[in-house]
Amino acid sequence: MLTPRHGAILKLLEGKGPLSVTTLADMLDVSTETMRRDVRALAGAGAVVRVHGAVGLAGQMGEAPFHRRMRENAGPKQAIARAMAVQIADGDSLMLDTGTTTSFLARELLGHRRLTVVTNSSDIARTLATVNGNRVFMAGGELRGDSGASLGASALEFIRAFAVQHAIISAGAVDASGVMDFDLQEAEFARAVLACGARRMVVTDASKFGRRGFIRVTGFEGLDEIFTDAPPPEDVAAALSLAGVRVHLASSDHNGQ
């Protein structure tokens, strides 16, 4: 059963976004230990998520395990992947970070031939290796059990040896300040991917717009294009336009705007 204070916590998080336990305790004039008990109860009920010392509503922060995220917004992600895939020609080189939308893109690229693919995603590597004359280079490093991603210093060092035509990253969150993530190593890897490409792109479904991330990946000045399934909010659209980023909306004709 939610207590009145639990309701007050949820209302604060809804209005202000993720907050620390200490900040919540101060705002509601209770001890940090009392607040920790409240947060544990709310987290146990699935109402809040705790990540990196902050507390937020379940939809505001953190990310579900990879296999669950592959099912979430699958239709829009597939449409985005199809729109992106037609931008890539046989024989092109590309670099992909780990993410559900980039995994959908890998599946849409199964009709392409002789691609050179650099990735830290075991899912993407398995999808595209040994088919149609592709060459796939898999970054080494610590393998994450939830996402099958290879991360860390050795993965970063590996990909920096490549220069590709298309650098494509997914996004954990996008607001008017740019692209963000919830994980430091994933953010570092995505940033490194963008530095390796002549054409720097983000693929993200519209549910990521307006979300708050903890770690900045890049401002929009570090991008050339973004592929999504719905027009961004006005503030995000204005920031993208100011930075000269081309927005592609997934549709039957795949035209950008």
C-alpha atoms as a PDB file:
ATOM      1  CA  MET A   1       0.000   0.000   0.000  1.00  0.00           C
ATOM      2  CA  LEU A   2       1.330   3.422  -0.893  1.00  0.00           C
ATOM      3  CA  THR A   3       1.497   5.856   2.015  1.00  0.00           C
ATOM      4  CA  PRO A   4       0.834   9.591   1.570  1.00  0.00           C
ATOM      5  CA  ARG A   5       4.604  10.175   1.669  1.00  0.00           C
ATOM      6  CA  HIS A   6       5.111   7.577  -1.059  1.00  0.00           C
ATOM      7  CA  GLY A   7       2.649   9.541  -3.153  1.00  0.00           C
ATOM      8  CA  ALA A   8       4.537  12.758  -2.419  1.00  0.00           C
ATOM      9  CA  ILE A   9       7.814  11.107  -3.509  1.00  0.00           C
ATOM     10  CA  LEU A  10       6.293   9.978  -6.805  1.00  0.00           C
ATOM     11  CA  LYS A  11       4.848  13.444  -7.440  1.00  0.00           C
ATOM     12  CA  LEU A  12       8.248  15.063  -6.828  1.00  0.00           C
ATOM     13  CA  LEU A  13       9.988  12.641  -9.179  1.00  0.00           C
ATOM     14  CA  GLU A  14       7.341  13.195 -11.840  1.00  0.00           C
ATOM     15  CA  GLY A  15       7.795  16.953 -11.679  1.00  0.00           C
ATOM     16  CA  LYS A  16      11.542  17.243 -11.176  1.00  0.00           C
ATOM     17  CA  GLY A  17      12.987  14.058 -12.632  1.00  0.00           C
ATOM     18  CA  PRO A  18      15.573  11.872 -10.891  1.00  0.00           C
ATOM     19  CA  LEU A  19      16.710  13.063  -7.442  1.00  0.00           C
ATOM     20  CA  SER A  20      19.108  11.781  -4.813  1.00  0.00           C
ATOM     21  CA  VAL A  21      17.840  10.187  -1.604  1.00  0.00           C
ATOM     22  CA  THR A  22      19.338  13.080   0.366  1.00  0.00           C
ATOM     23  CA  THR A  23      17.530  15.669  -1.747  1.00  0.00           C
ATOM     24  CA  LEU A  24      14.239  13.819  -1.401  1.00  0.00           C
ATOM     25  CA  ALA A  25      14.701  13.574   2.373  1.00  0.00           C
ATOM     26  CA  ASP A  26      15.392  17.310   2.614  1.00  0.00           C
ATOM     27  CA  MET A  27      12.410  18.219   0.456  1.00  0.00           C
ATOM     28  CA  LEU A  28      10.023  16.087   2.516  1.00  0.00           C
ATOM     29  CA  ASP A  29      11.672  16.910   5.858  1.00  0.00           C
ATOM     30  CA  VAL A  30      12.454  13.329   6.893  1.00  0.00           C
ATOM     31  CA  SER A  31      15.685  11.518   7.732  1.00  0.00           C
ATOM     32  CA  THR A  32      17.746   9.927   4.987  1.00  0.00           C
ATOM     33  CA  GLU A  33      17.207   6.520   6.611  1.00  0.00           C
ATOM     34  CA  THR A  34      13.415   6.993   6.472  1.00  0.00           C
ATOM     35  CA  MET A  35      13.717   8.031   2.853  1.00  0.00           C
ATOM     36  CA  ARG A  36      15.867   4.982   2.061  1.00  0.00           C
ATOM     37  CA  ARG A  37      13.142   2.735   3.505  1.00  0.00           C
ATOM     38  CA  ASP A  38      10.515   4.514   1.411  1.00  0.00           C
ATOM     39  CA  VAL A  39      12.620   4.189  -1.732  1.00  0.00           C
ATOM     40  CA  ARG A  40      13.215   0.485  -1.073  1.00  0.00           C
ATOM     41  CA  ALA A  41       9.474  -0.045  -0.766  1.00  0.00           C
ATOM     42  CA  LEU A  42       8.739   1.884  -3.957  1.00  0.00           C
ATOM     43  CA  ALA A  43      11.516   0.091  -5.852  1.00  0.00           C
ATOM     44  CA  GLY A  44      10.168  -3.241  -4.674  1.00  0.00           C
ATOM     45  CA  ALA A  45       6.780  -2.285  -6.068  1.00  0.00           C
ATOM     46  CA  GLY A  46       8.367  -1.330  -9.397  1.00  0.00           C
ATOM     47  CA  ALA A  47       7.355   2.326  -9.092  1.00  0.00           C
ATOM     48  CA  VAL A  48      10.873   3.760  -8.992  1.00  0.00           C
ATOM     49  CA  VAL A  49      14.331   2.792 -10.211  1.00  0.00           C
ATOM     50  CA  ARG A  50      17.632   3.438  -8.458  1.00  0.00           C
ATOM     51  CA  VAL A  51      20.644   4.096 -10.696  1.00  0.00           C
ATOM     52  CA  HIS A  52      24.010   5.664  -9.854  1.00  0.00           C
ATOM     53  CA  GLY A  53      22.882   7.167  -6.551  1.00  0.00           C
ATOM     54  CA  ALA A  54      19.705   8.741  -7.916  1.00  0.00           C
ATOM     55  CA  VAL A  55      16.067   7.742  -7.745  1.00  0.00           C
ATOM     56  CA  GLY A  56      13.630   8.227 -10.606  1.00  0.00           C
ATOM     57  CA  LEU A  57      10.345   6.979 -11.970  1.00  0.00           C
ATOM     58  CA  ALA A  58      10.642   3.681 -13.774  1.00  0.00           C
ATOM     59  CA  GLY A  59      10.045   5.353 -17.167  1.00  0.00           C
ATOM     60  CA  GLN A  60      12.535   8.180 -16.567  1.00  0.00           C
ATOM     61  CA  MET A  61      15.785   6.368 -16.023  1.00  0.00           C
ATOM     62  CA  GLY A  62      17.699   3.204 -16.439  1.00  0.00           C
ATOM     63  CA  GLU A  63      17.038   0.607 -19.073  1.00  0.00           C
ATOM     64  CA  ALA A  64      15.420  -2.801 -18.933  1.00  0.00           C
ATOM     65  CA  PRO A  65      17.402  -5.933 -19.827  1.00  0.00           C
ATOM     66  CA  PHE A  66      18.281  -6.137 -23.509  1.00  0.00           C
ATOM     67  CA  HIS A  67      15.880  -8.908 -24.507  1.00  0.00           C
ATOM     68  CA  ARG A  68      12.944  -7.030 -22.953  1.00  0.00           C
ATOM     69  CA  ARG A  69      13.955  -3.796 -24.676  1.00  0.00           C
ATOM     70  CA  MET A  70      14.000  -5.601 -28.023  1.00  0.00           C
ATOM     71  CA  ARG A  71      10.256  -6.157 -27.575  1.00  0.00           C
ATOM     72  CA  GLU A  72       9.501  -2.580 -26.514  1.00  0.00           C
ATOM     73  CA  ASN A  73       8.479  -0.266 -29.375  1.00  0.00           C
ATOM     74  CA  ALA A  74       9.534  -2.987 -31.801  1.00  0.00           C
ATOM     75  CA  GLY A  75       7.416  -1.610 -34.661  1.00  0.00           C
ATOM     76  CA  PRO A  76       8.898   1.913 -34.619  1.00  0.00           C
ATOM     77  CA  LYS A  77      12.408   0.518 -34.188  1.00  0.00           C
ATOM     78  CA  GLN A  78      11.983  -1.739 -37.213  1.00  0.00           C
ATOM     79  CA  ALA A  79      10.692   1.187 -39.280  1.00  0.00           C
ATOM     80  CA  ILE A  80      13.674   3.309 -38.226  1.00  0.00           C
ATOM     81  CA  ALA A  81      16.032   0.456 -39.077  1.00  0.00           C
ATOM     82  CA  ARG A  82      14.491   0.106 -42.555  1.00  0.00           C
ATOM     83  CA  ALA A  83      14.842   3.859 -43.166  1.00  0.00           C
ATOM     84  CA  MET A  84      18.490   3.715 -42.115  1.00  0.00           C
ATOM     85  CA  ALA A  85      19.275   0.574 -44.107  1.00  0.00           C
ATOM     86  CA  VAL A  86      18.364   2.176 -47.440  1.00  0.00           C
ATOM     87  CA  GLN A  87      21.041   4.800 -46.756  1.00  0.00           C
ATOM     88  CA  ILE A  88      23.746   2.109 -46.789  1.00  0.00           C
ATOM     89  CA  ALA A  89      25.060   0.624 -50.026  1.00  0.00           C
ATOM     90  CA  ASP A  90      26.643  -2.735 -50.715  1.00  0.00           C
ATOM     91  CA  GLY A  91      30.345  -2.592 -49.900  1.00  0.00           C
ATOM     92  CA  ASP A  92      30.009   0.257 -47.374  1.00  0.00           C
ATOM     93  CA  SER A  93      31.819   0.378 -44.035  1.00  0.00           C
ATOM     94  CA  LEU A  94      29.954   1.093 -40.830  1.00  0.00           C
ATOM     95  CA  MET A  95      30.396   1.092 -37.073  1.00  0.00           C
ATOM     96  CA  LEU A  96      27.525   0.244 -34.723  1.00  0.00           C
ATOM     97  CA  ASP A  97      27.287   0.425 -30.961  1.00  0.00           C
ATOM     98  CA  THR A  98      25.117  -1.902 -28.912  1.00  0.00           C
ATOM     99  CA  GLY A  99      21.426  -1.068 -28.694  1.00  0.00           C
ATOM    100  CA  THR A 100      18.065  -2.459 -29.637  1.00  0.00           C
ATOM    101  CA  THR A 101      17.590  -0.147 -32.618  1.00  0.00           C
ATOM    102  CA  THR A 102      21.074  -0.877 -33.954  1.00  0.00           C
ATOM    103  CA  SER A 103      20.308  -4.596 -33.535  1.00  0.00           C
ATOM    104  CA  PHE A 104      17.158  -4.116 -35.613  1.00  0.00           C
ATOM    105  CA  LEU A 105      19.316  -2.302 -38.176  1.00  0.00           C
ATOM    106  CA  ALA A 106      21.667  -5.276 -38.371  1.00  0.00           C
ATOM    107  CA  ARG A 107      18.705  -7.480 -39.269  1.00  0.00           C
ATOM    108  CA  GLU A 108      17.594  -5.023 -41.954  1.00  0.00           C
ATOM    109  CA  LEU A 109      21.108  -5.184 -43.434  1.00  0.00           C
ATOM    110  CA  LEU A 110      20.932  -8.930 -44.071  1.00  0.00           C
ATOM    111  CA  GLY A 111      20.051  -8.188 -47.702  1.00  0.00           C
ATOM    112  CA  HIS A 112      23.236  -6.152 -48.184  1.00  0.00           C
ATOM    113  CA  ARG A 113      26.503  -7.591 -49.452  1.00  0.00           C
ATOM    114  CA  ARG A 114      30.217  -7.097 -48.749  1.00  0.00           C
ATOM    115  CA  LEU A 115      29.721  -4.801 -45.758  1.00  0.00           C
ATOM    116  CA  THR A 116      32.586  -4.021 -43.414  1.00  0.00           C
ATOM    117  CA  VAL A 117      31.121  -3.811 -39.916  1.00  0.00           C
ATOM    118  CA  VAL A 118      32.835  -2.788 -36.681  1.00  0.00           C
ATOM    119  CA  THR A 119      30.829  -3.282 -33.486  1.00  0.00           C
ATOM    120  CA  ASN A 120      30.971  -4.060 -29.778  1.00  0.00           C
ATOM    121  CA  SER A 121      27.656  -5.932 -29.909  1.00  0.00           C
ATOM    122  CA  SER A 122      27.797  -9.717 -29.944  1.00  0.00           C
ATOM    123  CA  ASP A 123      24.210  -9.736 -31.257  1.00  0.00           C
ATOM    124  CA  ILE A 124      25.104  -7.519 -34.242  1.00  0.00           C
ATOM    125  CA  ALA A 125      28.300  -9.473 -34.909  1.00  0.00           C
ATOM    126  CA  ARG A 126      26.412 -12.799 -34.918  1.00  0.00           C
ATOM    127  CA  THR A 127      23.729 -11.362 -37.198  1.00  0.00           C
ATOM    128  CA  LEU A 128      26.027 -10.024 -39.900  1.00  0.00           C
ATOM    129  CA  ALA A 129      29.138 -12.228 -39.760  1.00  0.00           C
ATOM    130  CA  THR A 130      29.663 -15.052 -42.282  1.00  0.00           C
ATOM    131  CA  VAL A 131      26.852 -13.911 -44.620  1.00  0.00           C
ATOM    132  CA  ASN A 132      26.932 -12.215 -48.027  1.00  0.00           C
ATOM    133  CA  GLY A 133      30.680 -11.683 -48.006  1.00  0.00           C
ATOM    134  CA  ASN A 134      30.595  -9.322 -45.024  1.00  0.00           C
ATOM    135  CA  ARG A 135      33.646  -8.621 -42.873  1.00  0.00           C
ATOM    136  CA  VAL A 136      32.819  -8.113 -39.197  1.00  0.00           C
ATOM    137  CA  PHE A 137      35.279  -6.811 -36.607  1.00  0.00           C
ATOM    138  CA  MET A 138      34.249  -7.358 -32.985  1.00  0.00           C
ATOM    139  CA  ALA A 139      35.732  -5.153 -30.275  1.00  0.00           C
ATOM    140  CA  GLY A 140      37.233  -6.988 -27.340  1.00  0.00           C
ATOM    141  CA  GLY A 141      36.797  -6.203 -23.667  1.00  0.00           C
ATOM    142  CA  GLU A 142      34.556  -7.068 -20.750  1.00  0.00           C
ATOM    143  CA  LEU A 143      31.350  -8.676 -22.031  1.00  0.00           C
ATOM    144  CA  ARG A 144      28.153  -7.443 -20.396  1.00  0.00           C
ATOM    145  CA  GLY A 145      25.751 -10.229 -19.574  1.00  0.00           C
ATOM    146  CA  ASP A 146      22.573  -8.176 -20.029  1.00  0.00           C
ATOM    147  CA  SER A 147      23.329  -6.659 -23.431  1.00  0.00           C
ATOM    148  CA  GLY A 148      26.097  -8.815 -24.888  1.00  0.00           C
ATOM    149  CA  ALA A 149      28.175  -5.664 -25.325  1.00  0.00           C
ATOM    150  CA  SER A 150      31.946  -5.537 -25.093  1.00  0.00           C
ATOM    151  CA  LEU A 151      33.049  -2.447 -23.197  1.00  0.00           C
ATOM    152  CA  GLY A 152      36.053  -0.905 -21.497  1.00  0.00           C
ATOM    153  CA  ALA A 153      39.445   0.486 -22.444  1.00  0.00           C
ATOM    154  CA  SER A 154      40.414  -2.353 -24.788  1.00  0.00           C
ATOM    155  CA  ALA A 155      37.161  -1.992 -26.760  1.00  0.00           C
ATOM    156  CA  LEU A 156      37.751   1.744 -27.131  1.00  0.00           C
ATOM    157  CA  GLU A 157      41.341   1.227 -28.257  1.00  0.00           C
ATOM    158  CA  PHE A 158      40.253  -1.374 -30.808  1.00  0.00           C
ATOM    159  CA  ILE A 159      37.647   0.728 -32.620  1.00  0.00           C
ATOM    160  CA  ARG A 160      39.814   3.839 -32.753  1.00  0.00           C
ATOM    161  CA  ALA A 161      41.966   2.060 -35.331  1.00  0.00           C
ATOM    162  CA  PHE A 162      39.097   2.210 -37.866  1.00  0.00           C
ATOM    163  CA  ALA A 163      37.755   4.967 -40.101  1.00  0.00           C
ATOM    164  CA  VAL A 164      34.306   4.113 -41.501  1.00  0.00           C
ATOM    165  CA  GLN A 165      31.767   5.761 -43.786  1.00  0.00           C
ATOM    166  CA  HIS A 166      28.827   5.446 -41.377  1.00  0.00           C
ATOM    167  CA  ALA A 167      29.108   5.799 -37.591  1.00  0.00           C
ATOM    168  CA  ILE A 168      25.765   4.830 -36.079  1.00  0.00           C
ATOM    169  CA  ILE A 169      24.815   4.935 -32.412  1.00  0.00           C
ATOM    170  CA  SER A 170      21.643   4.330 -30.463  1.00  0.00           C
ATOM    171  CA  ALA A 171      20.469   6.689 -27.710  1.00  0.00           C
ATOM    172  CA  GLY A 172      19.312   6.186 -24.141  1.00  0.00           C
ATOM    173  CA  ALA A 173      17.866   9.688 -23.943  1.00  0.00           C
ATOM    174  CA  VAL A 174      17.615  12.790 -26.137  1.00  0.00           C
ATOM    175  CA  ASP A 175      16.730  16.304 -25.020  1.00  0.00           C
ATOM    176  CA  ALA A 176      17.524  19.785 -26.288  1.00  0.00           C
ATOM    177  CA  SER A 177      21.100  19.534 -24.974  1.00  0.00           C
ATOM    178  CA  GLY A 178      21.942  16.476 -27.071  1.00  0.00           C
ATOM    179  CA  VAL A 179      22.258  12.700 -26.762  1.00  0.00           C
ATOM    180  CA  MET A 180      22.693  11.058 -23.357  1.00  0.00           C
ATOM    181  CA  ASP A 181      23.007   7.623 -21.813  1.00  0.00           C
ATOM    182  CA  PHE A 182      22.610   5.982 -18.415  1.00  0.00           C
ATOM    183  CA  ASP A 183      25.869   4.026 -18.415  1.00  0.00           C
ATOM    184  CA  LEU A 184      29.325   5.613 -18.402  1.00  0.00           C
ATOM    185  CA  GLN A 185      31.086   2.918 -20.451  1.00  0.00           C
ATOM    186  CA  GLU A 186      28.315   2.769 -23.051  1.00  0.00           C
ATOM    187  CA  ALA A 187      28.405   6.560 -23.364  1.00  0.00           C
ATOM    188  CA  GLU A 188      32.194   6.533 -23.796  1.00  0.00           C
ATOM    189  CA  PHE A 189      31.912   3.869 -26.474  1.00  0.00           C
ATOM    190  CA  ALA A 190      29.190   5.732 -28.376  1.00  0.00           C
ATOM    191  CA  ARG A 191      31.281   8.916 -28.272  1.00  0.00           C
ATOM    192  CA  ALA A 192      34.252   7.012 -29.688  1.00  0.00           C
ATOM    193  CA  VAL A 193      32.098   5.516 -32.463  1.00  0.00           C
ATOM    194  CA  LEU A 194      31.055   8.970 -33.663  1.00  0.00           C
ATOM    195  CA  ALA A 195      34.701  10.030 -33.892  1.00  0.00           C
ATOM    196  CA  CYS A 196      35.395   7.173 -36.331  1.00  0.00           C
ATOM    197  CA  GLY A 197      32.774   7.996 -38.960  1.00  0.00           C
ATOM    198  CA  ALA A 198      32.588  10.356 -41.912  1.00  0.00           C
ATOM    199  CA  ARG A 199      28.797  10.383 -41.484  1.00  0.00           C
ATOM    200  CA  ARG A 200      27.688  10.531 -37.843  1.00  0.00           C
ATOM    201  CA  MET A 201      24.183   9.268 -37.111  1.00  0.00           C
ATOM    202  CA  VAL A 202      21.815   8.429 -34.272  1.00  0.00           C
ATOM    203  CA  VAL A 203      18.942   5.971 -34.528  1.00  0.00           C
ATOM    204  CA  THR A 204      16.330   6.365 -31.805  1.00  0.00           C
ATOM    205  CA  ASP A 205      12.609   5.883 -31.375  1.00  0.00           C
ATOM    206  CA  ALA A 206      10.588   8.886 -30.249  1.00  0.00           C
ATOM    207  CA  SER A 207      10.080   7.518 -26.719  1.00  0.00           C
ATOM    208  CA  LYS A 208      13.652   8.660 -25.959  1.00  0.00           C
ATOM    209  CA  PHE A 209      12.853  12.332 -26.638  1.00  0.00           C
ATOM    210  CA  GLY A 210      12.581  14.373 -23.471  1.00  0.00           C
ATOM    211  CA  ARG A 211      14.127  11.676 -21.306  1.00  0.00           C
ATOM    212  CA  ARG A 212      16.902  12.658 -18.923  1.00  0.00           C
ATOM    213  CA  GLY A 213      20.168  10.760 -19.050  1.00  0.00           C
ATOM    214  CA  PHE A 214      23.004  10.955 -16.535  1.00  0.00           C
ATOM    215  CA  ILE A 215      25.927  10.942 -18.940  1.00  0.00           C
ATOM    216  CA  ARG A 216      26.328  13.197 -21.949  1.00  0.00           C
ATOM    217  CA  VAL A 217      27.343  11.426 -25.161  1.00  0.00           C
ATOM    218  CA  THR A 218      27.388  14.387 -27.545  1.00  0.00           C
ATOM    219  CA  GLY A 219      25.769  17.673 -28.298  1.00  0.00           C
ATOM    220  CA  PHE A 220      23.961  17.926 -31.618  1.00  0.00           C
ATOM    221  CA  GLU A 221      26.993  19.657 -33.121  1.00  0.00           C
ATOM    222  CA  GLY A 222      28.648  16.213 -33.007  1.00  0.00           C
ATOM    223  CA  LEU A 223      26.006  14.682 -35.299  1.00  0.00           C
ATOM    224  CA  ASP A 224      25.059  14.868 -38.951  1.00  0.00           C
ATOM    225  CA  GLU A 225      21.741  13.002 -38.997  1.00  0.00           C
ATOM    226  CA  ILE A 226      19.127  11.453 -36.742  1.00  0.00           C
ATOM    227  CA  PHE A 227      16.673   8.723 -37.709  1.00  0.00           C
ATOM    228  CA  THR A 228      13.462   8.464 -35.701  1.00  0.00           C
ATOM    229  CA  ASP A 229       9.783   7.595 -36.041  1.00  0.00           C
ATOM    230  CA  ALA A 230       8.041  10.847 -35.015  1.00  0.00           C
ATOM    231  CA  PRO A 231       8.862  14.567 -35.058  1.00  0.00           C
ATOM    232  CA  PRO A 232      10.954  15.619 -32.046  1.00  0.00           C
ATOM    233  CA  PRO A 233       9.484  18.019 -29.462  1.00  0.00           C
ATOM    234  CA  GLU A 234       9.761  21.697 -30.401  1.00  0.00           C
ATOM    235  CA  ASP A 235      12.798  22.444 -28.218  1.00  0.00           C
ATOM    236  CA  VAL A 236      14.680  19.391 -29.495  1.00  0.00           C
ATOM    237  CA  ALA A 237      13.719  20.145 -33.113  1.00  0.00           C
ATOM    238  CA  ALA A 238      14.942  23.734 -32.741  1.00  0.00           C
ATOM    239  CA  ALA A 239      18.271  22.579 -31.295  1.00  0.00           C
ATOM    240  CA  LEU A 240      18.715  20.016 -34.069  1.00  0.00           C
ATOM    241  CA  SER A 241      17.974  22.644 -36.714  1.00  0.00           C
ATOM    242  CA  LEU A 242      20.395  25.105 -35.155  1.00  0.00           C
ATOM    243  CA  ALA A 243      23.144  22.465 -35.236  1.00  0.00           C
ATOM    244  CA  GLY A 244      22.350  21.583 -38.858  1.00  0.00           C
ATOM    245  CA  VAL A 245      21.366  17.996 -38.059  1.00  0.00           C
ATOM    246  CA  ARG A 246      19.128  16.407 -40.690  1.00  0.00           C
ATOM    247  CA  VAL A 247      16.093  14.591 -39.250  1.00  0.00           C
ATOM    248  CA  HIS A 248      14.824  11.490 -41.067  1.00  0.00           C
ATOM    249  CA  LEU A 249      11.339  10.285 -40.149  1.00  0.00           C
ATOM    250  CA  ALA A 250      10.708   6.598 -40.744  1.00  0.00           C
ATOM    251  CA  SER A 251       7.997   6.392 -43.384  1.00  0.00           C
ATOM    252  CA  SER A 252       7.171   4.589 -46.607  1.00  0.00           C
ATOM    253  CA  ASP A 253       9.303   6.957 -48.673  1.00  0.00           C
ATOM    254  CA  HIS A 254      12.061   7.358 -46.043  1.00  0.00           C
ATOM    255  CA  ASN A 255      12.484  11.000 -46.963  1.00  0.00           C
ATOM    256  CA  GLY A 256      14.310  13.231 -44.524  1.00  0.00           C
ATOM    257  CA  GLN A 257      13.053  16.605 -43.399  1.00  0.00           C
END
